[in-house]
Amino acid sequence: MVNRKHLMVGIMLATALAATGCAGKLRITSSKMCLAHGGTYNASAQTCSYPASTRSVKQTCEMQGGYYDPAAQVCEVGMD
């Protein structure tokens, strides 16, 4: 089941890159990133709740090789 979630995120990232013409960075809102991983986003705590565990949005972003901006609550995945 975890591999399926990673596949969904990969497809979402590839689609976004194709739509932007492979621009320098991809910005994903925290809620969309959390939902793509099968979680429920809590904006006040800035966490994703998963059926089996809870991890911070920052952790989820960094797992994708991104940088999390807590002020904007977005994950940037660099393509430079």
C-alpha atoms as a PDB file:
ATOM      1  CA  MET A   1       0.000   0.000   0.000  1.00  0.00           C
ATOM      2  CA  VAL A   2       2.880   2.382   0.756  1.00  0.00           C
ATOM      3  CA  ASN A   3       4.390   1.830  -2.707  1.00  0.00           C
ATOM      4  CA  ARG A   4       1.054   2.745  -4.266  1.00  0.00           C
ATOM      5  CA  LYS A   5       1.060   6.051  -2.360  1.00  0.00           C
ATOM      6  CA  HIS A   6       4.588   6.829  -3.546  1.00  0.00           C
ATOM      7  CA  LEU A   7       3.536   5.994  -7.109  1.00  0.00           C
ATOM      8  CA  MET A   8       0.614   8.435  -6.826  1.00  0.00           C
ATOM      9  CA  VAL A   9       2.924  11.187  -5.577  1.00  0.00           C
ATOM     10  CA  GLY A  10       5.371  10.450  -8.400  1.00  0.00           C
ATOM     11  CA  ILE A  11       2.613  10.677 -10.982  1.00  0.00           C
ATOM     12  CA  MET A  12       1.376  13.918  -9.437  1.00  0.00           C
ATOM     13  CA  LEU A  13       4.877  15.420  -9.488  1.00  0.00           C
ATOM     14  CA  ALA A  14       5.510  14.310 -13.072  1.00  0.00           C
ATOM     15  CA  THR A  15       2.212  15.806 -14.196  1.00  0.00           C
ATOM     16  CA  ALA A  16       2.966  19.074 -12.440  1.00  0.00           C
ATOM     17  CA  LEU A  17       6.428  19.221 -14.010  1.00  0.00           C
ATOM     18  CA  ALA A  18       5.007  18.573 -17.464  1.00  0.00           C
ATOM     19  CA  ALA A  19       2.416  21.301 -16.956  1.00  0.00           C
ATOM     20  CA  THR A  20       5.033  23.838 -15.880  1.00  0.00           C
ATOM     21  CA  GLY A  21       7.488  22.974 -18.621  1.00  0.00           C
ATOM     22  CA  CYS A  22      10.033  21.663 -16.107  1.00  0.00           C
ATOM     23  CA  ALA A  23      10.366  24.984 -14.306  1.00  0.00           C
ATOM     24  CA  GLY A  24      12.990  25.400 -11.598  1.00  0.00           C
ATOM     25  CA  LYS A  25      10.802  24.505  -8.609  1.00  0.00           C
ATOM     26  CA  LEU A  26       7.556  22.807  -7.820  1.00  0.00           C
ATOM     27  CA  ARG A  27       5.413  24.201  -4.991  1.00  0.00           C
ATOM     28  CA  ILE A  28       2.836  21.958  -3.357  1.00  0.00           C
ATOM     29  CA  THR A  29       0.483  23.148  -0.644  1.00  0.00           C
ATOM     30  CA  SER A  30       0.775  21.275   2.605  1.00  0.00           C
ATOM     31  CA  SER A  31      -2.782  20.006   2.417  1.00  0.00           C
ATOM     32  CA  LYS A  32      -2.341  18.615  -1.119  1.00  0.00           C
ATOM     33  CA  MET A  33       0.970  16.983  -0.202  1.00  0.00           C
ATOM     34  CA  CYS A  34      -0.610  15.401   2.859  1.00  0.00           C
ATOM     35  CA  LEU A  35      -3.622  14.143   0.902  1.00  0.00           C
ATOM     36  CA  ALA A  36      -1.336  12.711  -1.791  1.00  0.00           C
ATOM     37  CA  HIS A  37       0.296  10.613   0.916  1.00  0.00           C
ATOM     38  CA  GLY A  38      -3.069   9.391   2.183  1.00  0.00           C
ATOM     39  CA  GLY A  39      -3.142  11.624   5.242  1.00  0.00           C
ATOM     40  CA  THR A  40      -5.351  14.248   6.809  1.00  0.00           C
ATOM     41  CA  TYR A  41      -3.826  17.730   7.164  1.00  0.00           C
ATOM     42  CA  ASN A  42      -4.052  19.745  10.403  1.00  0.00           C
ATOM     43  CA  ALA A  43      -3.164  23.369   9.550  1.00  0.00           C
ATOM     44  CA  SER A  44      -2.850  24.604  13.141  1.00  0.00           C
ATOM     45  CA  ALA A  45      -0.398  21.846  14.120  1.00  0.00           C
ATOM     46  CA  GLN A  46       1.129  21.635  10.616  1.00  0.00           C
ATOM     47  CA  THR A  47       0.970  17.840  10.712  1.00  0.00           C
ATOM     48  CA  CYS A  48      -0.334  15.020   8.551  1.00  0.00           C
ATOM     49  CA  SER A  49      -2.243  12.275  10.316  1.00  0.00           C
ATOM     50  CA  TYR A  50      -2.007   8.849   8.755  1.00  0.00           C
ATOM     51  CA  PRO A  51      -3.980   5.781   9.774  1.00  0.00           C
ATOM     52  CA  ALA A  52      -0.855   4.146  11.223  1.00  0.00           C
ATOM     53  CA  SER A  53       1.151   7.218  12.333  1.00  0.00           C
ATOM     54  CA  THR A  54       1.474  11.002  12.438  1.00  0.00           C
ATOM     55  CA  ARG A  55       4.440  12.911  11.057  1.00  0.00           C
ATOM     56  CA  SER A  56       5.062  16.579  10.502  1.00  0.00           C
ATOM     57  CA  VAL A  57       4.507  18.123   7.103  1.00  0.00           C
ATOM     58  CA  LYS A  58       8.157  19.147   7.184  1.00  0.00           C
ATOM     59  CA  GLN A  59       9.175  15.486   7.559  1.00  0.00           C
ATOM     60  CA  THR A  60       6.912  14.461   4.681  1.00  0.00           C
ATOM     61  CA  CYS A  61       8.309  17.236   2.478  1.00  0.00           C
ATOM     62  CA  GLU A  62      11.901  16.351   3.306  1.00  0.00           C
ATOM     63  CA  MET A  63      11.168  12.688   2.529  1.00  0.00           C
ATOM     64  CA  GLN A  64      10.451  13.877  -1.029  1.00  0.00           C
ATOM     65  CA  GLY A  65      13.742  15.788  -1.149  1.00  0.00           C
ATOM     66  CA  GLY A  66      12.023  19.136  -0.680  1.00  0.00           C
ATOM     67  CA  TYR A  67      12.304  22.205   1.510  1.00  0.00           C
ATOM     68  CA  TYR A  68       9.362  23.071   3.757  1.00  0.00           C
ATOM     69  CA  ASP A  69       8.475  26.745   4.272  1.00  0.00           C
ATOM     70  CA  PRO A  70       6.453  26.904   7.514  1.00  0.00           C
ATOM     71  CA  ALA A  71       5.383  30.536   7.006  1.00  0.00           C
ATOM     72  CA  ALA A  72       3.772  29.795   3.614  1.00  0.00           C
ATOM     73  CA  GLN A  73       2.942  26.177   4.530  1.00  0.00           C
ATOM     74  CA  VAL A  74       4.270  24.896   1.189  1.00  0.00           C
ATOM     75  CA  CYS A  75       6.807  22.303   0.139  1.00  0.00           C
ATOM     76  CA  GLU A  76       9.298  23.241  -2.575  1.00  0.00           C
ATOM     77  CA  VAL A  77      10.919  20.430  -4.515  1.00  0.00           C
ATOM     78  CA  GLY A  78      13.924  21.877  -6.324  1.00  0.00           C
ATOM     79  CA  MET A  79      14.666  20.957  -9.899  1.00  0.00           C
ATOM     80  CA  ASP A  80      17.916  22.946 -10.261  1.00  0.00           C
END
